[in-house]
C-alpha atoms as a PDB file:
ATOM      1  CA  MET A   1       0.000   0.000   0.000  1.00  0.00           C
ATOM      2  CA  TYR A   2       2.803   2.437   0.853  1.00  0.00           C
ATOM      3  CA  ASN A   3       4.773   1.524  -2.267  1.00  0.00           C
ATOM      4  CA  LYS A   4       2.247   3.174  -4.585  1.00  0.00           C
ATOM      5  CA  GLY A   5       4.134   6.466  -4.418  1.00  0.00           C
ATOM      6  CA  LEU A   6       7.444   4.804  -5.254  1.00  0.00           C
ATOM      7  CA  ILE A   7       5.955   2.812  -8.135  1.00  0.00           C
ATOM      8  CA  LYS A   8       4.223   5.925  -9.439  1.00  0.00           C
ATOM      9  CA  ALA A   9       7.495   7.894  -9.317  1.00  0.00           C
ATOM     10  CA  ILE A  10       9.338   5.139 -11.200  1.00  0.00           C
ATOM     11  CA  ILE A  11       6.637   5.025 -13.871  1.00  0.00           C
ATOM     12  CA  VAL A  12       6.713   8.824 -14.257  1.00  0.00           C
ATOM     13  CA  ILE A  13      10.515   8.800 -14.601  1.00  0.00           C
ATOM     14  CA  VAL A  14      10.425   6.021 -17.202  1.00  0.00           C
ATOM     15  CA  VAL A  15       7.711   7.784 -19.211  1.00  0.00           C
ATOM     16  CA  ALA A  16       9.618  11.086 -19.020  1.00  0.00           C
ATOM     17  CA  LEU A  17      12.791   9.365 -20.272  1.00  0.00           C
ATOM     18  CA  ILE A  18      10.854   7.783 -23.149  1.00  0.00           C
ATOM     19  CA  ILE A  19       9.357  11.157 -24.112  1.00  0.00           C
ATOM     20  CA  LEU A  20      12.750  12.893 -23.932  1.00  0.00           C
ATOM     21  CA  GLY A  21      14.268  10.139 -26.085  1.00  0.00           C
ATOM     22  CA  TYR A  22      11.449  10.461 -28.595  1.00  0.00           C
ATOM     23  CA  PHE A  23      12.200  14.158 -29.023  1.00  0.00           C
ATOM     24  CA  GLY A  24      15.912  13.475 -29.466  1.00  0.00           C
ATOM     25  CA  PHE A  25      17.254  14.521 -26.073  1.00  0.00           C
ATOM     26  CA  ASP A  26      20.231  12.512 -24.846  1.00  0.00           C
ATOM     27  CA  ILE A  27      20.226  12.475 -21.053  1.00  0.00           C
ATOM     28  CA  LYS A  28      23.891  11.443 -20.930  1.00  0.00           C
ATOM     29  CA  ASP A  29      24.918  14.473 -23.003  1.00  0.00           C
ATOM     30  CA  ILE A  30      22.815  16.747 -20.815  1.00  0.00           C
ATOM     31  CA  ILE A  31      24.279  15.361 -17.558  1.00  0.00           C
ATOM     32  CA  ASN A  32      27.841  15.539 -18.897  1.00  0.00           C
ATOM     33  CA  GLY A  33      27.439  19.143 -20.065  1.00  0.00           C
ATOM     34  CA  PRO A  34      29.812  21.630 -18.418  1.00  0.00           C
ATOM     35  CA  VAL A  35      27.052  23.824 -16.964  1.00  0.00           C
ATOM     36  CA  VAL A  36      25.222  20.850 -15.435  1.00  0.00           C
ATOM     37  CA  GLN A  37      28.483  19.463 -14.053  1.00  0.00           C
ATOM     38  CA  LYS A  38      29.275  22.838 -12.487  1.00  0.00           C
ATOM     39  CA  ASN A  39      25.793  23.006 -10.941  1.00  0.00           C
ATOM     40  CA  LEU A  40      26.057  19.459  -9.594  1.00  0.00           C
ATOM     41  CA  HIS A  41      29.485  20.244  -8.139  1.00  0.00           C
ATOM     42  CA  THR A  42      28.100  23.383  -6.477  1.00  0.00           C
ATOM     43  CA  ALA A  43      25.165  21.429  -5.029  1.00  0.00           C
ATOM     44  CA  TRP A  44      27.531  18.727  -3.720  1.00  0.00           C
ATOM     45  CA  ASP A  45      29.764  21.361  -2.102  1.00  0.00           C
ATOM     46  CA  PHE A  46      26.681  22.837  -0.405  1.00  0.00           C
ATOM     47  CA  ILE A  47      25.582  19.415   0.868  1.00  0.00           C
ATOM     48  CA  LEU A  48      29.060  18.757   2.267  1.00  0.00           C
ATOM     49  CA  MET A  49      29.128  22.169   3.946  1.00  0.00           C
ATOM     50  CA  VAL A  50      25.741  21.537   5.609  1.00  0.00           C
ATOM     51  CA  TRP A  51      26.833  18.071   6.719  1.00  0.00           C
ATOM     52  CA  ASN A  52      30.199  19.197   8.088  1.00  0.00           C
ATOM     53  CA  ASN A  53      28.961  22.391   9.797  1.00  0.00           C
ATOM     54  CA  TYR A  54      25.485  21.453  11.028  1.00  0.00           C
ATOM     55  CA  LEU A  55      24.524  17.795  10.783  1.00  0.00           C
ATOM     56  CA  SER A  56      27.537  15.599  11.494  1.00  0.00           C
ATOM     57  CA  GLY A  57      27.723  16.446  15.204  1.00  0.00           C
ATOM     58  CA  PRO A  58      24.068  15.819  16.096  1.00  0.00           C
ATOM     59  CA  VAL A  59      23.786  12.761  13.841  1.00  0.00           C
ATOM     60  CA  THR A  60      26.972  11.248  15.273  1.00  0.00           C
ATOM     61  CA  TYR A  61      25.798  11.948  18.834  1.00  0.00           C
ATOM     62  CA  ALA A  62      22.372  10.402  18.170  1.00  0.00           C
ATOM     63  CA  PHE A  63      23.913   7.353  16.493  1.00  0.00           C
ATOM     64  CA  GLN A  64      26.306   6.806  19.398  1.00  0.00           C
ATOM     65  CA  ALA A  65      23.445   7.155  21.905  1.00  0.00           C
ATOM     66  CA  VAL A  66      21.312   4.634  20.020  1.00  0.00           C
ATOM     67  CA  TRP A  67      24.290   2.284  19.654  1.00  0.00           C
ATOM     68  CA  LYS A  68      24.905   2.415  23.425  1.00  0.00           C
ATOM     69  CA  LEU A  69      21.241   1.559  24.035  1.00  0.00           C
ATOM     70  CA  ILE A  70      21.467  -1.365  21.636  1.00  0.00           C
ATOM     71  CA  GLN A  71      24.630  -2.639  23.304  1.00  0.00           C
ATOM     72  CA  ALA A  72      23.071  -2.266  26.750  1.00  0.00           C
ATOM     73  CA  GLY A  73      19.989  -4.137  25.598  1.00  0.00           C
ATOM     74  CA  LEU A  74      22.064  -6.934  24.104  1.00  0.00           C
ATOM     75  CA  SER A  75      24.262  -7.320  27.161  1.00  0.00           C
ATOM     76  CA  GLY A  76      21.228  -7.255  29.471  1.00  0.00           C
ATOM     77  CA  SER A  77      19.494 -10.054  27.582  1.00  0.00           C
ATOM     78  CA  LYS A  78      22.258 -12.633  28.159  1.00  0.00           C
END
């Protein structure tokens, strides 16, 4: 029931790729274009900046806290 959104998205992507191919667009050429590559590089740099400056600390802390709870639960069940 919850997979309907995923299946719908896959179908939409496949249909969009078929339509683009029909009109002569080559996705590989578009992706490998210098402007697109520059934009993707800029987006990746932004993602890394957000991760390094804002998210890595809280995510690491939360993961370590959950891991300690899991270890405590495993050692308590023996």
